């Protein structure tokens, strides 16, 4: 939500605008949950999640895909919605992935646990 605030002064019997600003309100993101993923053979790997309450602010979601046997091997994609996809050739199938979603806006951030999902 947003509103406009104006501050006036009265000078010589007339109102004069001193300053005008926009005020926005919203919420920090909730922890994303209920992550699920679908694998379309050699084409696409798409994951979805629930984001919680509406933040009323621009919120960016980053999906992290980690190879559990090699924790330093991480791919990511970003989205403004509750889904994100990896496309060929980055849509490979490995049964030892775990997936984590981080939600971030100007008021804060929240991350899910890294959830192992067998594809």
C-alpha atoms as a PDB file:
ATOM      1  CA  UNK A   1       0.000   0.000   0.000  1.00  0.00           C
ATOM      2  CA  UNK A   2       1.138   3.563  -0.544  1.00  0.00           C
ATOM      3  CA  UNK A   3       0.015   7.063   0.319  1.00  0.00           C
ATOM      4  CA  UNK A   4       1.143  10.579  -0.473  1.00  0.00           C
ATOM      5  CA  UNK A   5       2.035  13.059   2.247  1.00  0.00           C
ATOM      6  CA  UNK A   6       2.178  16.775   1.556  1.00  0.00           C
ATOM      7  CA  UNK A   7       3.337  19.483   3.899  1.00  0.00           C
ATOM      8  CA  UNK A   8       2.119  23.063   3.356  1.00  0.00           C
ATOM      9  CA  UNK A   9       2.820  26.420   4.920  1.00  0.00           C
ATOM     10  CA  UNK A  10       0.717  29.548   4.810  1.00  0.00           C
ATOM     11  CA  UNK A  11       2.571  32.634   3.613  1.00  0.00           C
ATOM     12  CA  UNK A  12       0.922  35.957   2.902  1.00  0.00           C
ATOM     13  CA  UNK A  13      -2.477  34.320   3.090  1.00  0.00           C
ATOM     14  CA  UNK A  14      -1.689  31.596   0.545  1.00  0.00           C
ATOM     15  CA  UNK A  15      -0.841  27.927   1.016  1.00  0.00           C
ATOM     16  CA  UNK A  16       2.523  26.894  -0.396  1.00  0.00           C
ATOM     17  CA  UNK A  17       3.756  23.337  -0.789  1.00  0.00           C
ATOM     18  CA  UNK A  18       6.939  22.704   1.203  1.00  0.00           C
ATOM     19  CA  UNK A  19       7.478  19.016   0.513  1.00  0.00           C
ATOM     20  CA  UNK A  20       5.707  16.053  -1.085  1.00  0.00           C
ATOM     21  CA  UNK A  21       6.653  12.419  -0.511  1.00  0.00           C
ATOM     22  CA  UNK A  22       5.282   8.935  -1.015  1.00  0.00           C
ATOM     23  CA  UNK A  23       4.971   6.583   1.956  1.00  0.00           C
ATOM     24  CA  UNK A  24       4.808   2.823   1.398  1.00  0.00           C
ATOM     25  CA  UNK A  25       3.795   0.173   3.900  1.00  0.00           C
ATOM     26  CA  UNK A  26       4.226  -3.556   3.815  1.00  0.00           C
ATOM     27  CA  UNK A  27       5.673  -6.566   5.558  1.00  0.00           C
ATOM     28  CA  UNK A  28       8.941  -8.473   5.548  1.00  0.00           C
ATOM     29  CA  UNK A  29       8.558 -11.829   3.782  1.00  0.00           C
ATOM     30  CA  UNK A  30       7.434 -14.961   5.587  1.00  0.00           C
ATOM     31  CA  UNK A  31       9.568 -18.088   5.388  1.00  0.00           C
ATOM     32  CA  UNK A  32       8.806 -19.866   2.089  1.00  0.00           C
ATOM     33  CA  UNK A  33       7.436 -23.367   2.522  1.00  0.00           C
ATOM     34  CA  UNK A  34       5.869 -26.387   0.848  1.00  0.00           C
ATOM     35  CA  UNK A  35       8.540 -26.634  -1.866  1.00  0.00           C
ATOM     36  CA  UNK A  36       7.785 -29.082  -4.659  1.00  0.00           C
ATOM     37  CA  UNK A  37       9.608 -29.719  -7.934  1.00  0.00           C
ATOM     38  CA  UNK A  38       8.783 -31.324 -11.284  1.00  0.00           C
ATOM     39  CA  UNK A  39      11.344 -32.670 -13.722  1.00  0.00           C
ATOM     40  CA  UNK A  40      10.596 -32.707 -17.444  1.00  0.00           C
ATOM     41  CA  UNK A  41      13.199 -35.026 -18.962  1.00  0.00           C
ATOM     42  CA  UNK A  42      16.136 -33.077 -20.446  1.00  0.00           C
ATOM     43  CA  UNK A  43      13.962 -29.978 -20.820  1.00  0.00           C
ATOM     44  CA  UNK A  44      13.055 -28.253 -17.593  1.00  0.00           C
ATOM     45  CA  UNK A  45      13.165 -28.518 -13.802  1.00  0.00           C
ATOM     46  CA  UNK A  46      10.478 -26.350 -12.178  1.00  0.00           C
ATOM     47  CA  UNK A  47       9.930 -25.776  -8.470  1.00  0.00           C
ATOM     48  CA  UNK A  48       7.033 -24.066  -6.723  1.00  0.00           C
ATOM     49  CA  UNK A  49       6.514 -22.965  -3.114  1.00  0.00           C
ATOM     50  CA  UNK A  50       4.183 -21.023  -0.865  1.00  0.00           C
ATOM     51  CA  UNK A  51       5.279 -17.539   0.125  1.00  0.00           C
ATOM     52  CA  UNK A  52       2.979 -16.790   3.061  1.00  0.00           C
ATOM     53  CA  UNK A  53       1.146 -13.501   3.511  1.00  0.00           C
ATOM     54  CA  UNK A  54       1.203 -10.760   0.886  1.00  0.00           C
ATOM     55  CA  UNK A  55       4.060  -8.333   1.565  1.00  0.00           C
ATOM     56  CA  UNK A  56       2.625  -5.428  -0.493  1.00  0.00           C
ATOM     57  CA  UNK A  57       6.240  -4.769  -1.552  1.00  0.00           C
ATOM     58  CA  UNK A  58       8.463  -5.951  -4.397  1.00  0.00           C
ATOM     59  CA  UNK A  59       9.764  -9.307  -3.172  1.00  0.00           C
ATOM     60  CA  UNK A  60      12.403 -11.357  -4.979  1.00  0.00           C
ATOM     61  CA  UNK A  61      12.568 -15.115  -4.500  1.00  0.00           C
ATOM     62  CA  UNK A  62      15.800 -17.020  -5.107  1.00  0.00           C
ATOM     63  CA  UNK A  63      15.637 -20.785  -5.529  1.00  0.00           C
ATOM     64  CA  UNK A  64      18.874 -22.584  -4.646  1.00  0.00           C
ATOM     65  CA  UNK A  65      19.549 -26.100  -5.940  1.00  0.00           C
ATOM     66  CA  UNK A  66      22.374 -27.805  -4.050  1.00  0.00           C
ATOM     67  CA  UNK A  67      23.995 -31.160  -4.824  1.00  0.00           C
ATOM     68  CA  UNK A  68      23.948 -32.800  -1.394  1.00  0.00           C
ATOM     69  CA  UNK A  69      27.099 -34.830  -2.054  1.00  0.00           C
ATOM     70  CA  UNK A  70      28.925 -31.621  -3.114  1.00  0.00           C
ATOM     71  CA  UNK A  71      27.534 -28.781  -0.919  1.00  0.00           C
ATOM     72  CA  UNK A  72      29.610 -26.172  -2.787  1.00  0.00           C
ATOM     73  CA  UNK A  73      27.817 -27.046  -6.048  1.00  0.00           C
ATOM     74  CA  UNK A  74      24.882 -24.641  -6.048  1.00  0.00           C
ATOM     75  CA  UNK A  75      22.734 -23.303  -8.906  1.00  0.00           C
ATOM     76  CA  UNK A  76      20.115 -20.624  -8.468  1.00  0.00           C
ATOM     77  CA  UNK A  77      17.339 -18.831 -10.280  1.00  0.00           C
ATOM     78  CA  UNK A  78      15.324 -15.744  -9.335  1.00  0.00           C
ATOM     79  CA  UNK A  79      11.638 -14.985  -9.603  1.00  0.00           C
ATOM     80  CA  UNK A  80       9.004 -12.461  -8.547  1.00  0.00           C
ATOM     81  CA  UNK A  81       6.443 -15.264  -8.207  1.00  0.00           C
ATOM     82  CA  UNK A  82       6.116 -18.579  -6.385  1.00  0.00           C
ATOM     83  CA  UNK A  83       7.902 -20.652  -9.023  1.00  0.00           C
ATOM     84  CA  UNK A  84      11.237 -20.824 -10.779  1.00  0.00           C
ATOM     85  CA  UNK A  85      12.707 -23.066 -13.492  1.00  0.00           C
ATOM     86  CA  UNK A  86      16.042 -24.380 -14.625  1.00  0.00           C
ATOM     87  CA  UNK A  87      16.138 -25.044 -18.369  1.00  0.00           C
ATOM     88  CA  UNK A  88      18.237 -27.347 -20.543  1.00  0.00           C
ATOM     89  CA  UNK A  89      21.229 -27.789 -20.288  1.00  0.00           C
ATOM     90  CA  UNK A  90      20.958 -26.723 -16.610  1.00  0.00           C
ATOM     91  CA  UNK A  91      17.974 -28.984 -15.934  1.00  0.00           C
ATOM     92  CA  UNK A  92      20.017 -32.096 -15.279  1.00  0.00           C
ATOM     93  CA  UNK A  93      18.681 -34.914 -13.126  1.00  0.00           C
ATOM     94  CA  UNK A  94      20.553 -35.871  -9.988  1.00  0.00           C
ATOM     95  CA  UNK A  95      18.652 -37.620  -7.206  1.00  0.00           C
ATOM     96  CA  UNK A  96      20.722 -35.952  -4.468  1.00  0.00           C
ATOM     97  CA  UNK A  97      19.475 -32.373  -4.800  1.00  0.00           C
ATOM     98  CA  UNK A  98      18.115 -30.286  -1.988  1.00  0.00           C
ATOM     99  CA  UNK A  99      16.175 -27.093  -2.664  1.00  0.00           C
ATOM    100  CA  UNK A 100      15.991 -23.877  -0.651  1.00  0.00           C
ATOM    101  CA  UNK A 101      14.038 -20.664  -1.277  1.00  0.00           C
ATOM    102  CA  UNK A 102      15.074 -17.238   0.001  1.00  0.00           C
ATOM    103  CA  UNK A 103      12.562 -14.362  -0.056  1.00  0.00           C
ATOM    104  CA  UNK A 104      13.891 -10.795   0.179  1.00  0.00           C
ATOM    105  CA  UNK A 105      12.416  -7.295   0.166  1.00  0.00           C
ATOM    106  CA  UNK A 106      13.397  -3.902   1.602  1.00  0.00           C
ATOM    107  CA  UNK A 107      12.125  -4.867   5.064  1.00  0.00           C
ATOM    108  CA  UNK A 108      13.971  -8.163   5.425  1.00  0.00           C
ATOM    109  CA  UNK A 109      14.544 -11.665   4.209  1.00  0.00           C
ATOM    110  CA  UNK A 110      13.554 -15.217   5.124  1.00  0.00           C
ATOM    111  CA  UNK A 111      14.940 -18.573   3.990  1.00  0.00           C
ATOM    112  CA  UNK A 112      13.467 -22.037   3.995  1.00  0.00           C
ATOM    113  CA  UNK A 113      15.441 -25.061   5.083  1.00  0.00           C
ATOM    114  CA  UNK A 114      17.235 -26.951   2.326  1.00  0.00           C
ATOM    115  CA  UNK A 115      14.703 -29.668   1.510  1.00  0.00           C
ATOM    116  CA  UNK A 116      15.815 -32.903  -0.206  1.00  0.00           C
ATOM    117  CA  UNK A 117      13.343 -33.681  -2.952  1.00  0.00           C
ATOM    118  CA  UNK A 118      13.567 -36.957  -4.870  1.00  0.00           C
ATOM    119  CA  UNK A 119      12.725 -36.276  -8.487  1.00  0.00           C
END
